[in-house]
PDB file of N, CA and C in Angstrom:
ATOM      1  N   MET A   1      -7.839 -21.387  33.164  1.00  0.00           N
ATOM      2  CA  MET A   1      -9.140 -22.026  33.139  1.00  0.00           C
ATOM      3  C   MET A   1     -10.648 -21.335  32.626  1.00  0.00           C
ATOM      4  N   GLY A   2      -9.898 -20.055  32.715  1.00  0.00           N
ATOM      5  CA  GLY A   2     -11.523 -18.991  31.932  1.00  0.00           C
ATOM      6  C   GLY A   2     -11.532 -18.746  30.815  1.00  0.00           C
ATOM      7  N   GLU A   3     -10.640 -19.268  29.830  1.00  0.00           N
ATOM      8  CA  GLU A   3     -10.295 -19.082  28.164  1.00  0.00           C
ATOM      9  C   GLU A   3     -11.549 -19.102  27.660  1.00  0.00           C
ATOM     10  N   VAL A   4     -11.749 -18.217  26.743  1.00  0.00           N
ATOM     11  CA  VAL A   4     -12.971 -18.196  25.747  1.00  0.00           C
ATOM     12  C   VAL A   4     -12.047 -18.725  24.688  1.00  0.00           C
ATOM     13  N   ILE A   5     -12.576 -19.294  23.815  1.00  0.00           N
ATOM     14  CA  ILE A   5     -12.489 -19.831  22.605  1.00  0.00           C
ATOM     15  C   ILE A   5     -13.474 -19.431  21.264  1.00  0.00           C
ATOM     16  N   GLN A   6     -13.118 -18.569  20.479  1.00  0.00           N
ATOM     17  CA  GLN A   6     -14.261 -18.152  19.463  1.00  0.00           C
ATOM     18  C   GLN A   6     -13.929 -18.889  18.336  1.00  0.00           C
ATOM     19  N   PHE A   7     -15.450 -19.146  17.950  1.00  0.00           N
ATOM     20  CA  PHE A   7     -15.198 -19.992  16.979  1.00  0.00           C
ATOM     21  C   PHE A   7     -15.499 -19.126  15.410  1.00  0.00           C
ATOM     22  N   ILE A   8     -14.435 -19.219  14.444  1.00  0.00           N
ATOM     23  CA  ILE A   8     -14.390 -18.219  13.183  1.00  0.00           C
ATOM     24  C   ILE A   8     -14.587 -19.248  12.212  1.00  0.00           C
ATOM     25  N   PRO A   9     -16.091 -19.162  11.713  1.00  0.00           N
ATOM     26  CA  PRO A   9     -16.291 -19.995  10.665  1.00  0.00           C
ATOM     27  C   PRO A   9     -14.938 -19.710   9.110  1.00  0.00           C
ATOM     28  N   LYS A  10     -14.535 -20.892   8.282  1.00  0.00           N
ATOM     29  CA  LYS A  10     -13.565 -20.893   7.286  1.00  0.00           C
ATOM     30  C   LYS A  10     -14.143 -19.486   6.646  1.00  0.00           C
ATOM     31  N   ALA A  11     -15.370 -19.801   6.065  1.00  0.00           N
ATOM     32  CA  ALA A  11     -15.994 -18.636   5.165  1.00  0.00           C
ATOM     33  C   ALA A  11     -15.309 -16.845   5.834  1.00  0.00           C
ATOM     34  N   GLU A  12     -16.001 -16.685   6.620  1.00  0.00           N
ATOM     35  CA  GLU A  12     -14.997 -15.331   7.405  1.00  0.00           C
ATOM     36  C   GLU A  12     -13.684 -15.644   7.329  1.00  0.00           C
ATOM     37  N   ARG A  13     -13.158 -16.405   7.700  1.00  0.00           N
ATOM     38  CA  ARG A  13     -11.294 -16.266   7.724  1.00  0.00           C
ATOM     39  C   ARG A  13     -10.704 -15.893   6.264  1.00  0.00           C
ATOM     40  N   GLU A  14     -11.978 -16.659   5.118  1.00  0.00           N
ATOM     41  CA  GLU A  14     -11.103 -16.208   4.053  1.00  0.00           C
ATOM     42  C   GLU A  14     -11.773 -14.844   3.739  1.00  0.00           C
ATOM     43  N   ARG A  15     -13.071 -14.665   4.007  1.00  0.00           N
ATOM     44  CA  ARG A  15     -13.067 -13.068   3.502  1.00  0.00           C
ATOM     45  C   ARG A  15     -12.107 -12.169   3.693  1.00  0.00           C
ATOM     46  N   LEU A  16     -11.812 -12.257   5.358  1.00  0.00           N
ATOM     47  CA  LEU A  16     -10.997 -11.338   5.852  1.00  0.00           C
ATOM     48  C   LEU A  16      -9.359 -11.642   5.219  1.00  0.00           C
ATOM     49  N   ARG A  17      -9.085 -12.818   5.253  1.00  0.00           N
ATOM     50  CA  ARG A  17      -7.522 -12.788   4.159  1.00  0.00           C
ATOM     51  C   ARG A  17      -7.653 -12.000   2.635  1.00  0.00           C
ATOM     52  N   LEU A  18      -9.239 -12.119   1.811  1.00  0.00           N
ATOM     53  CA  LEU A  18      -9.492 -11.723   1.028  1.00  0.00           C
ATOM     54  C   LEU A  18      -9.068 -10.075   0.761  1.00  0.00           C
ATOM     55  N   ILE A  19     -10.007  -9.688   2.169  1.00  0.00           N
ATOM     56  CA  ILE A  19      -9.955  -7.856   2.273  1.00  0.00           C
ATOM     57  C   ILE A  19      -8.250  -7.668   2.453  1.00  0.00           C
ATOM     58  N   ARG A  20      -7.704  -8.570   3.192  1.00  0.00           N
ATOM     59  CA  ARG A  20      -6.572  -7.522   3.217  1.00  0.00           C
ATOM     60  C   ARG A  20      -5.319  -7.866   2.471  1.00  0.00           C
ATOM     61  N   GLU A  21      -5.554  -8.857   1.233  1.00  0.00           N
ATOM     62  CA  GLU A  21      -4.882  -9.119  -0.093  1.00  0.00           C
ATOM     63  C   GLU A  21      -5.426  -7.897  -0.809  1.00  0.00           C
ATOM     64  N   ALA A  22      -6.858  -7.451  -0.949  1.00  0.00           N
ATOM     65  CA  ALA A  22      -7.085  -6.359  -1.591  1.00  0.00           C
ATOM     66  C   ALA A  22      -6.539  -5.171  -1.267  1.00  0.00           C
ATOM     67  N   ARG A  23      -6.588  -4.877  -0.020  1.00  0.00           N
ATOM     68  CA  ARG A  23      -6.470  -3.555   0.648  1.00  0.00           C
ATOM     69  C   ARG A  23      -4.752  -3.504   0.197  1.00  0.00           C
ATOM     70  N   SER A  24      -3.753  -4.551   0.054  1.00  0.00           N
ATOM     71  CA  SER A  24      -2.526  -4.313   0.233  1.00  0.00           C
ATOM     72  C   SER A  24      -2.085  -3.924  -1.253  1.00  0.00           C
ATOM     73  N   ILE A  25      -3.073  -4.713  -2.379  1.00  0.00           N
ATOM     74  CA  ILE A  25      -2.539  -4.352  -3.767  1.00  0.00           C
ATOM     75  C   ILE A  25      -3.141  -3.040  -4.103  1.00  0.00           C
ATOM     76  N   TYR A  26      -4.521  -2.718  -3.324  1.00  0.00           N
ATOM     77  CA  TYR A  26      -5.031  -1.323  -3.398  1.00  0.00           C
ATOM     78  C   TYR A  26      -3.833  -0.472  -3.137  1.00  0.00           C
ATOM     79  N   ASP A  27      -3.347  -0.458  -2.119  1.00  0.00           N
ATOM     80  CA  ASP A  27      -1.905   0.096  -1.595  1.00  0.00           C
ATOM     81  C   ASP A  27      -0.567   0.485  -2.506  1.00  0.00           C
ATOM     82  N   SER A  28      -0.513  -0.995  -2.757  1.00  0.00           N
ATOM     83  CA  SER A  28       0.715  -0.707  -3.662  1.00  0.00           C
ATOM     84  C   SER A  28       0.388  -0.155  -5.206  1.00  0.00           C
ATOM     85  N   VAL A  29      -0.868   0.084  -5.736  1.00  0.00           N
ATOM     86  CA  VAL A  29      -1.312   0.749  -6.699  1.00  0.00           C
ATOM     87  C   VAL A  29      -1.826   1.988  -6.562  1.00  0.00           C
ATOM     88  N   PHE A  30      -2.202   2.273  -5.453  1.00  0.00           N
ATOM     89  CA  PHE A  30      -2.641   3.766  -5.156  1.00  0.00           C
ATOM     90  C   PHE A  30      -1.885   3.892  -3.513  1.00  0.00           C
ATOM     91  N   PRO A  31      -0.437   4.365  -3.352  1.00  0.00           N
ATOM     92  CA  PRO A  31       0.027   4.884  -2.390  1.00  0.00           C
ATOM     93  C   PRO A  31      -0.547   5.602  -1.547  1.00  0.00           C
ATOM     94  N   PRO A  32      -0.671   5.650  -0.375  1.00  0.00           N
ATOM     95  CA  PRO A  32      -1.397   6.921   0.892  1.00  0.00           C
ATOM     96  C   PRO A  32      -0.825   7.860   0.453  1.00  0.00           C
ATOM     97  N   ALA A  33      -1.554   9.110   0.306  1.00  0.00           N
ATOM     98  CA  ALA A  33      -0.778  10.689   0.318  1.00  0.00           C
ATOM     99  C   ALA A  33       0.030  11.039   1.143  1.00  0.00           C
ATOM    100  N   ASP A  34      -0.117  10.777   2.647  1.00  0.00           N
ATOM    101  CA  ASP A  34       0.856  10.848   3.641  1.00  0.00           C
ATOM    102  C   ASP A  34       1.733   9.687   3.933  1.00  0.00           C
ATOM    103  N   PRO A  35       2.873  10.021   3.503  1.00  0.00           N
ATOM    104  CA  PRO A  35       4.158   8.742   3.454  1.00  0.00           C
ATOM    105  C   PRO A  35       3.778   8.079   5.236  1.00  0.00           C
ATOM    106  N   VAL A  36       4.027   7.340   5.185  1.00  0.00           N
ATOM    107  CA  VAL A  36       4.491   6.698   6.731  1.00  0.00           C
ATOM    108  C   VAL A  36       5.738   7.725   7.818  1.00  0.00           C
ATOM    109  N   ASN A  37       6.704   7.511   6.940  1.00  0.00           N
ATOM    110  CA  ASN A  37       7.759   8.187   7.472  1.00  0.00           C
ATOM    111  C   ASN A  37       8.126   9.355   7.389  1.00  0.00           C
ATOM    112  N   GLY A  38       7.017  10.347   6.708  1.00  0.00           N
ATOM    113  CA  GLY A  38       7.476  11.525   6.852  1.00  0.00           C
ATOM    114  C   GLY A  38       7.971  12.357   5.705  1.00  0.00           C
ATOM    115  N   GLN A  39       8.900  11.528   4.795  1.00  0.00           N
ATOM    116  CA  GLN A  39       9.328  12.193   4.102  1.00  0.00           C
ATOM    117  C   GLN A  39       8.825  12.043   2.908  1.00  0.00           C
ATOM    118  N   PRO A  40       9.111  12.655   2.189  1.00  0.00           N
ATOM    119  CA  PRO A  40       8.329  12.789   0.551  1.00  0.00           C
ATOM    120  C   PRO A  40       8.878  12.064  -0.576  1.00  0.00           C
ATOM    121  N   ASP A  41       8.435  11.378  -1.452  1.00  0.00           N
ATOM    122  CA  ASP A  41       8.827  10.320  -2.609  1.00  0.00           C
ATOM    123  C   ASP A  41       9.427  10.994  -3.312  1.00  0.00           C
ATOM    124  N   SER A  42      11.099  10.760  -3.360  1.00  0.00           N
ATOM    125  CA  SER A  42      11.938  10.870  -4.364  1.00  0.00           C
ATOM    126  C   SER A  42      11.994  10.235  -5.591  1.00  0.00           C
ATOM    127  N   THR A  43      11.370   9.150  -5.266  1.00  0.00           N
ATOM    128  CA  THR A  43      11.819   8.591  -6.522  1.00  0.00           C
ATOM    129  C   THR A  43      11.213   9.486  -7.837  1.00  0.00           C
ATOM    130  N   PRO A  44      12.208   8.944  -9.148  1.00  0.00           N
ATOM    131  CA  PRO A  44      12.285   9.755 -10.321  1.00  0.00           C
ATOM    132  C   PRO A  44      11.042   8.906 -11.058  1.00  0.00           C
ATOM    133  N   ILE A  45      10.256   9.763 -11.938  1.00  0.00           N
ATOM    134  CA  ILE A  45       9.412   9.117 -12.739  1.00  0.00           C
ATOM    135  C   ILE A  45       9.614   9.432 -14.374  1.00  0.00           C
ATOM    136  N   ALA A  46       9.322   8.603 -15.527  1.00  0.00           N
ATOM    137  CA  ALA A  46       9.282   8.863 -16.563  1.00  0.00           C
ATOM    138  C   ALA A  46       8.566   9.408 -17.051  1.00  0.00           C
ATOM    139  N   ILE A  47       8.598  10.838 -17.948  1.00  0.00           N
ATOM    140  CA  ILE A  47       7.439  11.485 -18.564  1.00  0.00           C
ATOM    141  C   ILE A  47       7.893  11.656 -20.013  1.00  0.00           C
ATOM    142  N   ASN A  48       7.052  10.994 -20.906  1.00  0.00           N
ATOM    143  CA  ASN A  48       7.982  10.910 -22.589  1.00  0.00           C
ATOM    144  C   ASN A  48       9.082  10.766 -22.486  1.00  0.00           C
ATOM    145  N   GLY A  49       9.866   9.436 -21.815  1.00  0.00           N
ATOM    146  CA  GLY A  49      10.943   9.197 -21.994  1.00  0.00           C
ATOM    147  C   GLY A  49      12.197  10.067 -21.158  1.00  0.00           C
ATOM    148  N   THR A  50      11.670  11.079 -20.523  1.00  0.00           N
ATOM    149  CA  THR A  50      12.428  12.322 -19.717  1.00  0.00           C
ATOM    150  C   THR A  50      12.192  11.691 -18.310  1.00  0.00           C
ATOM    151  N   TRP A  51      13.351  11.302 -17.542  1.00  0.00           N
ATOM    152  CA  TRP A  51      13.373  11.157 -16.287  1.00  0.00           C
ATOM    153  C   TRP A  51      12.931  12.437 -15.178  1.00  0.00           C
ATOM    154  N   ILE A  52      11.907  12.651 -14.264  1.00  0.00           N
ATOM    155  CA  ILE A  52      12.012  13.698 -13.832  1.00  0.00           C
ATOM    156  C   ILE A  52      11.924  13.239 -12.056  1.00  0.00           C
ATOM    157  N   HIS A  53      12.792  14.550 -11.377  1.00  0.00           N
ATOM    158  CA  HIS A  53      12.231  13.931  -9.786  1.00  0.00           C
ATOM    159  C   HIS A  53      10.782  14.375  -9.474  1.00  0.00           C
ATOM    160  N   ARG A  54      10.255  14.325  -8.434  1.00  0.00           N
ATOM    161  CA  ARG A  54       8.602  14.653  -8.057  1.00  0.00           C
ATOM    162  C   ARG A  54       8.920  16.292  -7.740  1.00  0.00           C
ATOM    163  N   GLY A  55       9.793  17.059  -7.834  1.00  0.00           N
ATOM    164  CA  GLY A  55      10.190  18.098  -7.539  1.00  0.00           C
ATOM    165  C   GLY A  55       9.755  19.066  -8.836  1.00  0.00           C
ATOM    166  N   GLY A  56       9.914  17.932  -9.817  1.00  0.00           N
ATOM    167  CA  GLY A  56       9.505  18.877 -11.290  1.00  0.00           C
ATOM    168  C   GLY A  56      11.207  19.246 -11.962  1.00  0.00           C
ATOM    169  N   GLU A  57      11.927  19.201 -11.344  1.00  0.00           N
ATOM    170  CA  GLU A  57      13.294  19.268 -12.162  1.00  0.00           C
ATOM    171  C   GLU A  57      13.658  18.134 -13.279  1.00  0.00           C
ATOM    172  N   PRO A  58      13.959  18.290 -14.373  1.00  0.00           N
ATOM    173  CA  PRO A  58      14.743  17.112 -14.923  1.00  0.00           C
ATOM    174  C   PRO A  58      15.973  16.414 -14.953  1.00  0.00           C
ATOM    175  N   LEU A  59      15.930  15.025 -14.542  1.00  0.00           N
ATOM    176  CA  LEU A  59      17.511  14.501 -14.222  1.00  0.00           C
ATOM    177  C   LEU A  59      18.231  14.759 -15.413  1.00  0.00           C
ATOM    178  N   SER A  60      19.906  15.201 -15.301  1.00  0.00           N
ATOM    179  CA  SER A  60      20.726  15.030 -16.000  1.00  0.00           C
ATOM    180  C   SER A  60      21.342  13.846 -16.494  1.00  0.00           C
TER     181      SER A  60
END
């Protein structure tokens, strides 16, 4: 019976949604430097057509 209902304007909800979406896009482009799971990123990358592990060794 003592519930409090807070009114949040539509514009504020839209602003918060856009912030969440922008943060998601930013994190997909610039991943956090410290991975959450604590494991280094072992995904290979291509440099000038050569696939290389993050440690620097070329893939055979």
